[in-house]
Structures are given as structure tokens and as C-alpha cells.
Amino acid sequence: MKTTPSTAGEPAGEPEKRILILGIGNLLMGDEGFGVHLARRLAAEEWPEGVDVEDGGTAGFQLMGYLDDYPVVVLIDAALEPDRAGQVRRIQPRFSKDYPKALSTHDIGLKDLLDGLQLLGRMPNVHLFVVSISDVQPLYIGLSPQSEALLPEVAKAVRELVNQELKS
């Protein structure tokens, strides 16, 4: 964990609270790109020091370095779950069984990435916002009206979670 330099009235070496907000998804597959659309929206907003917002796209294992640098990670991704379409859940996955079964259309899925960190003993405190979608729209850049309508709700939930984590 990184530490901040001592300033007047603060103890030296006080741990810095670092939080990564990471949107995952494929912009070329319609609603599957929900996490990326939300990350881009959140990146345009002001965040406290130590909170970073990144568009993880479909980077797969290339994201391991990002996840390894933060003690708290807030992930946003779509899951192909037609029976739950339009629902948003927040989970804290710790084991393979905790992930939605069909999390993404990426080559290396989010589950694989987090399983790798778990095996290496470097698992951060992960909060995963799962947005259930009904289907994938190949070669469509944009969101369905149903997913578009969820952006403000999930953005608000992410901000509330980050504020809660910063206070703890």
C-alpha cells in the first residue's frame, strides 16, 4: 500500500485510501459495453483524491496491474442474463461460484482475472456491480433504452459506495 507524505498535524506514513472504479465491456456489442459507458461518464465527474476511474474495455489480464495497485476496486460489468434483464446487483465475489455464470463476451473474462489475483494471494476488496442484459448486439455502439436508463442509478450507487469506503 502506498503512503502519503506527512503534512502539518498528520501522522507520518498514514495509509492513503486508494479506490479504483473500473468499467469493463465491449463497446462494439451494445449493452455488453455498459461498464465502459458508465466509466466514461464517471471519469468526467470530480472525485476525491485517491479515487481513479478507468475504462477497462476488454483488456483481460492486462488489467491485473491496475487491480493489484488498489486495495479497493469497484467493477462495473454486464452479464448476459435474459431472465434478469434490467436488474442491477452489487456483489462482493470471493470465489468462482460467486460470479454470474455468463459475465461477459471478452476473451479473458473478469472472473478469470480475479481468479488469477486470488491464486496469487493479491485479491483486493472487490465490489462488482452486475448489470443484467437480455442480449448482445454485435457491431452496435450504444446502449438500449433500458440500459441507458440504468446509467444514473448505477452511477449514484457507485458514488455512494465510494463515499462509504472512504469513510471506513
C-alpha atoms as a PDB file:
ATOM      1  CA  MET A   1       0.000   0.000   0.000  1.00  0.00           C
ATOM      2  CA  LYS A   2       1.301   3.455  -0.837  1.00  0.00           C
ATOM      3  CA  THR A   3       1.673   6.060   1.872  1.00  0.00           C
ATOM      4  CA  THR A   4       1.260   9.794   1.712  1.00  0.00           C
ATOM      5  CA  PRO A   5       3.966  12.176   2.907  1.00  0.00           C
ATOM      6  CA  SER A   6       3.420  13.720   6.328  1.00  0.00           C
ATOM      7  CA  THR A   7       1.786  17.138   6.405  1.00  0.00           C
ATOM      8  CA  ALA A   8       1.335  19.510   9.348  1.00  0.00           C
ATOM      9  CA  GLY A   9      -0.809  17.879  12.022  1.00  0.00           C
ATOM     10  CA  GLU A  10      -0.958  14.466  10.340  1.00  0.00           C
ATOM     11  CA  PRO A  11       0.997  11.405  11.412  1.00  0.00           C
ATOM     12  CA  ALA A  12       3.813  10.344   9.082  1.00  0.00           C
ATOM     13  CA  GLY A  13       3.102   7.316   6.902  1.00  0.00           C
ATOM     14  CA  GLU A  14      -0.701   7.491   7.164  1.00  0.00           C
ATOM     15  CA  PRO A  15      -2.009   4.991   4.573  1.00  0.00           C
ATOM     16  CA  GLU A  16      -3.662   6.602   1.582  1.00  0.00           C
ATOM     17  CA  LYS A  17      -7.143   5.308   0.763  1.00  0.00           C
ATOM     18  CA  ARG A  18      -6.995   4.299  -2.900  1.00  0.00           C
ATOM     19  CA  ILE A  19     -10.034   3.163  -4.827  1.00  0.00           C
ATOM     20  CA  LEU A  20     -10.248   2.114  -8.460  1.00  0.00           C
ATOM     21  CA  ILE A  21     -13.531   2.342 -10.360  1.00  0.00           C
ATOM     22  CA  LEU A  22     -13.188   0.129 -13.424  1.00  0.00           C
ATOM     23  CA  GLY A  23     -15.753  -0.257 -16.186  1.00  0.00           C
ATOM     24  CA  ILE A  24     -15.472  -3.467 -18.207  1.00  0.00           C
ATOM     25  CA  GLY A  25     -17.121  -4.265 -21.521  1.00  0.00           C
ATOM     26  CA  ASN A  26     -17.047  -4.238 -25.282  1.00  0.00           C
ATOM     27  CA  LEU A  27     -18.336  -1.022 -26.865  1.00  0.00           C
ATOM     28  CA  LEU A  28     -18.906  -2.851 -30.157  1.00  0.00           C
ATOM     29  CA  MET A  29     -21.501  -5.177 -28.617  1.00  0.00           C
ATOM     30  CA  GLY A  30     -24.272  -2.838 -27.477  1.00  0.00           C
ATOM     31  CA  ASP A  31     -25.339  -3.356 -23.857  1.00  0.00           C
ATOM     32  CA  GLU A  32     -22.265  -5.517 -23.203  1.00  0.00           C
ATOM     33  CA  GLY A  33     -20.378  -2.196 -23.140  1.00  0.00           C
ATOM     34  CA  PHE A  34     -22.383  -0.846 -20.173  1.00  0.00           C
ATOM     35  CA  GLY A  35     -19.369  -0.786 -17.834  1.00  0.00           C
ATOM     36  CA  VAL A  36     -17.292   1.229 -20.304  1.00  0.00           C
ATOM     37  CA  HIS A  37     -20.110   3.708 -20.959  1.00  0.00           C
ATOM     38  CA  LEU A  38     -20.517   4.241 -17.217  1.00  0.00           C
ATOM     39  CA  ALA A  39     -16.761   4.547 -16.607  1.00  0.00           C
ATOM     40  CA  ARG A  40     -16.511   7.255 -19.254  1.00  0.00           C
ATOM     41  CA  ARG A  41     -19.410   9.104 -17.653  1.00  0.00           C
ATOM     42  CA  LEU A  42     -17.884   8.804 -14.171  1.00  0.00           C
ATOM     43  CA  ALA A  43     -14.433   9.862 -15.409  1.00  0.00           C
ATOM     44  CA  ALA A  44     -15.927  13.223 -16.411  1.00  0.00           C
ATOM     45  CA  GLU A  45     -17.038  13.825 -12.800  1.00  0.00           C
ATOM     46  CA  GLU A  46     -14.987  15.132  -9.886  1.00  0.00           C
ATOM     47  CA  TRP A  47     -13.739  12.502  -7.422  1.00  0.00           C
ATOM     48  CA  PRO A  48     -11.817  12.761  -4.139  1.00  0.00           C
ATOM     49  CA  GLU A  49      -8.058  12.325  -4.158  1.00  0.00           C
ATOM     50  CA  GLY A  50      -7.107   8.651  -4.321  1.00  0.00           C
ATOM     51  CA  VAL A  51     -10.146   7.651  -6.405  1.00  0.00           C
ATOM     52  CA  ASP A  52      -9.380   6.791 -10.022  1.00  0.00           C
ATOM     53  CA  VAL A  53     -11.798   5.881 -12.813  1.00  0.00           C
ATOM     54  CA  GLU A  54     -10.634   3.732 -15.729  1.00  0.00           C
ATOM     55  CA  ASP A  55     -12.167   2.299 -18.884  1.00  0.00           C
ATOM     56  CA  GLY A  56     -11.020  -1.333 -18.782  1.00  0.00           C
ATOM     57  CA  GLY A  57     -12.651  -2.250 -22.087  1.00  0.00           C
ATOM     58  CA  THR A  58     -11.839  -5.866 -22.937  1.00  0.00           C
ATOM     59  CA  ALA A  59      -8.233  -5.780 -21.707  1.00  0.00           C
ATOM     60  CA  GLY A  60      -8.429  -9.048 -19.718  1.00  0.00           C
ATOM     61  CA  PHE A  61      -5.190  -9.990 -17.938  1.00  0.00           C
ATOM     62  CA  GLN A  62      -3.661  -6.636 -18.866  1.00  0.00           C
ATOM     63  CA  LEU A  63      -5.851  -5.190 -16.113  1.00  0.00           C
ATOM     64  CA  MET A  64      -4.142  -7.239 -13.407  1.00  0.00           C
ATOM     65  CA  GLY A  65      -1.607  -4.463 -12.797  1.00  0.00           C
ATOM     66  CA  TYR A  66      -4.410  -1.971 -12.199  1.00  0.00           C
ATOM     67  CA  LEU A  67      -6.245  -4.255  -9.809  1.00  0.00           C
ATOM     68  CA  ASP A  68      -3.026  -5.088  -7.984  1.00  0.00           C
ATOM     69  CA  ASP A  69      -2.381  -1.395  -7.223  1.00  0.00           C
ATOM     70  CA  TYR A  70      -5.609  -0.688  -5.333  1.00  0.00           C
ATOM     71  CA  PRO A  71      -6.865  -2.142  -2.050  1.00  0.00           C
ATOM     72  CA  VAL A  72     -10.477  -1.394  -3.069  1.00  0.00           C
ATOM     73  CA  VAL A  73     -11.818  -1.965  -6.588  1.00  0.00           C
ATOM     74  CA  VAL A  74     -15.306  -1.127  -7.821  1.00  0.00           C
ATOM     75  CA  LEU A  75     -16.061  -3.024 -11.034  1.00  0.00           C
ATOM     76  CA  ILE A  76     -18.966  -2.454 -13.394  1.00  0.00           C
ATOM     77  CA  ASP A  77     -19.792  -5.110 -15.981  1.00  0.00           C
ATOM     78  CA  ALA A  78     -22.739  -6.521 -17.876  1.00  0.00           C
ATOM     79  CA  ALA A  79     -23.905 -10.109 -17.552  1.00  0.00           C
ATOM     80  CA  LEU A  80     -25.869 -11.932 -20.222  1.00  0.00           C
ATOM     81  CA  GLU A  81     -28.851 -12.958 -18.086  1.00  0.00           C
ATOM     82  CA  PRO A  82     -32.068 -12.569 -20.111  1.00  0.00           C
ATOM     83  CA  ASP A  83     -34.262 -13.689 -17.186  1.00  0.00           C
ATOM     84  CA  ARG A  84     -32.883 -10.783 -15.071  1.00  0.00           C
ATOM     85  CA  ALA A  85     -32.553  -8.135 -17.813  1.00  0.00           C
ATOM     86  CA  GLY A  86     -32.605  -4.612 -16.430  1.00  0.00           C
ATOM     87  CA  GLN A  87     -31.622  -5.643 -12.913  1.00  0.00           C
ATOM     88  CA  VAL A  88     -28.548  -4.308 -11.114  1.00  0.00           C
ATOM     89  CA  ARG A  89     -26.857  -6.227  -8.309  1.00  0.00           C
ATOM     90  CA  ARG A  90     -23.832  -5.439  -6.202  1.00  0.00           C
ATOM     91  CA  ILE A  91     -21.851  -8.464  -5.126  1.00  0.00           C
ATOM     92  CA  GLN A  92     -18.518  -8.996  -3.439  1.00  0.00           C
ATOM     93  CA  PRO A  93     -17.084 -12.012  -5.268  1.00  0.00           C
ATOM     94  CA  ARG A  94     -14.511 -14.015  -3.353  1.00  0.00           C
ATOM     95  CA  PHE A  95     -14.692 -17.398  -5.075  1.00  0.00           C
ATOM     96  CA  SER A  96     -15.524 -18.681  -8.571  1.00  0.00           C
ATOM     97  CA  LYS A  97     -19.032 -19.666  -7.503  1.00  0.00           C
ATOM     98  CA  ASP A  98     -19.772 -16.034  -6.557  1.00  0.00           C
ATOM     99  CA  TYR A  99     -19.655 -14.737 -10.147  1.00  0.00           C
ATOM    100  CA  PRO A 100     -22.570 -14.619 -12.566  1.00  0.00           C
ATOM    101  CA  LYS A 101     -22.299 -17.584 -14.931  1.00  0.00           C
ATOM    102  CA  ALA A 102     -22.142 -15.600 -18.202  1.00  0.00           C
ATOM    103  CA  LEU A 103     -20.334 -12.440 -17.181  1.00  0.00           C
ATOM    104  CA  SER A 104     -19.031 -11.188 -20.496  1.00  0.00           C
ATOM    105  CA  THR A 105     -18.071 -11.749 -24.114  1.00  0.00           C
ATOM    106  CA  HIS A 106     -14.428 -10.862 -23.503  1.00  0.00           C
ATOM    107  CA  ASP A 107     -11.626 -13.247 -24.496  1.00  0.00           C
ATOM    108  CA  ILE A 108     -10.398 -13.374 -20.893  1.00  0.00           C
ATOM    109  CA  GLY A 109     -13.310 -12.722 -18.589  1.00  0.00           C
ATOM    110  CA  LEU A 110     -13.420 -10.752 -15.391  1.00  0.00           C
ATOM    111  CA  LYS A 111     -13.837 -13.992 -13.438  1.00  0.00           C
ATOM    112  CA  ASP A 112     -10.560 -15.323 -14.892  1.00  0.00           C
ATOM    113  CA  LEU A 113      -8.753 -12.121 -13.979  1.00  0.00           C
ATOM    114  CA  LEU A 114      -9.970 -12.096 -10.383  1.00  0.00           C
ATOM    115  CA  ASP A 115      -9.331 -15.840 -10.037  1.00  0.00           C
ATOM    116  CA  GLY A 116      -5.720 -15.119 -11.041  1.00  0.00           C
ATOM    117  CA  LEU A 117      -5.377 -12.476  -8.334  1.00  0.00           C
ATOM    118  CA  GLN A 118      -6.931 -14.861  -5.810  1.00  0.00           C
ATOM    119  CA  LEU A 119      -4.417 -17.578  -6.709  1.00  0.00           C
ATOM    120  CA  LEU A 120      -1.548 -15.095  -6.351  1.00  0.00           C
ATOM    121  CA  GLY A 121      -2.850 -14.023  -2.935  1.00  0.00           C
ATOM    122  CA  ARG A 122      -3.303 -10.425  -4.129  1.00  0.00           C
ATOM    123  CA  MET A 123      -7.081 -10.127  -4.175  1.00  0.00           C
ATOM    124  CA  PRO A 124      -8.293  -6.588  -3.434  1.00  0.00           C
ATOM    125  CA  ASN A 125     -11.605  -5.815  -1.752  1.00  0.00           C
ATOM    126  CA  VAL A 126     -13.814  -6.089  -4.861  1.00  0.00           C
ATOM    127  CA  HIS A 127     -17.319  -4.689  -5.255  1.00  0.00           C
ATOM    128  CA  LEU A 128     -18.896  -5.793  -8.530  1.00  0.00           C
ATOM    129  CA  PHE A 129     -21.919  -4.052  -9.996  1.00  0.00           C
ATOM    130  CA  VAL A 130     -23.550  -6.565 -12.323  1.00  0.00           C
ATOM    131  CA  VAL A 131     -25.981  -5.147 -14.869  1.00  0.00           C
ATOM    132  CA  SER A 132     -28.079  -7.947 -16.357  1.00  0.00           C
ATOM    133  CA  ILE A 133     -28.739  -7.662 -20.082  1.00  0.00           C
ATOM    134  CA  SER A 134     -31.024  -9.661 -22.363  1.00  0.00           C
ATOM    135  CA  ASP A 135     -28.742  -9.990 -25.372  1.00  0.00           C
ATOM    136  CA  VAL A 136     -25.628  -8.770 -27.112  1.00  0.00           C
ATOM    137  CA  GLN A 137     -25.980  -6.501 -30.139  1.00  0.00           C
ATOM    138  CA  PRO A 138     -22.970  -7.213 -32.423  1.00  0.00           C
ATOM    139  CA  LEU A 139     -21.465  -4.169 -34.119  1.00  0.00           C
ATOM    140  CA  TYR A 140     -23.748  -1.761 -32.292  1.00  0.00           C
ATOM    141  CA  ILE A 141     -22.119   1.136 -30.459  1.00  0.00           C
ATOM    142  CA  GLY A 142     -24.574   2.386 -27.884  1.00  0.00           C
ATOM    143  CA  LEU A 143     -26.942   1.161 -25.234  1.00  0.00           C
ATOM    144  CA  SER A 144     -30.533   0.017 -25.419  1.00  0.00           C
ATOM    145  CA  PRO A 145     -33.057   2.413 -23.844  1.00  0.00           C
ATOM    146  CA  GLN A 146     -33.392   0.002 -20.893  1.00  0.00           C
ATOM    147  CA  SER A 147     -29.637   0.023 -20.187  1.00  0.00           C
ATOM    148  CA  GLU A 148     -29.303   3.752 -20.881  1.00  0.00           C
ATOM    149  CA  ALA A 149     -31.951   4.383 -18.217  1.00  0.00           C
ATOM    150  CA  LEU A 150     -29.851   2.450 -15.661  1.00  0.00           C
ATOM    151  CA  LEU A 151     -26.766   4.713 -16.012  1.00  0.00           C
ATOM    152  CA  PRO A 152     -27.858   7.335 -13.412  1.00  0.00           C
ATOM    153  CA  GLU A 153     -28.941   4.666 -10.902  1.00  0.00           C
ATOM    154  CA  VAL A 154     -25.655   2.754 -11.112  1.00  0.00           C
ATOM    155  CA  ALA A 155     -23.602   5.980 -11.118  1.00  0.00           C
ATOM    156  CA  LYS A 156     -25.326   7.038  -7.894  1.00  0.00           C
ATOM    157  CA  ALA A 157     -24.774   3.612  -6.301  1.00  0.00           C
ATOM    158  CA  VAL A 158     -21.065   3.680  -7.241  1.00  0.00           C
ATOM    159  CA  ARG A 159     -20.627   7.172  -5.741  1.00  0.00           C
ATOM    160  CA  GLU A 160     -22.397   6.120  -2.523  1.00  0.00           C
ATOM    161  CA  LEU A 161     -20.200   3.036  -2.233  1.00  0.00           C
ATOM    162  CA  VAL A 162     -17.019   5.042  -2.811  1.00  0.00           C
ATOM    163  CA  ASN A 163     -18.037   7.593  -0.176  1.00  0.00           C
ATOM    164  CA  GLN A 164     -18.770   4.756   2.252  1.00  0.00           C
ATOM    165  CA  GLU A 165     -15.373   3.148   1.568  1.00  0.00           C
ATOM    166  CA  LEU A 166     -13.569   6.474   2.048  1.00  0.00           C
ATOM    167  CA  LYS A 167     -15.186   6.897   5.471  1.00  0.00           C
ATOM    168  CA  SER A 168     -14.287   3.377   6.651  1.00  0.00           C
END
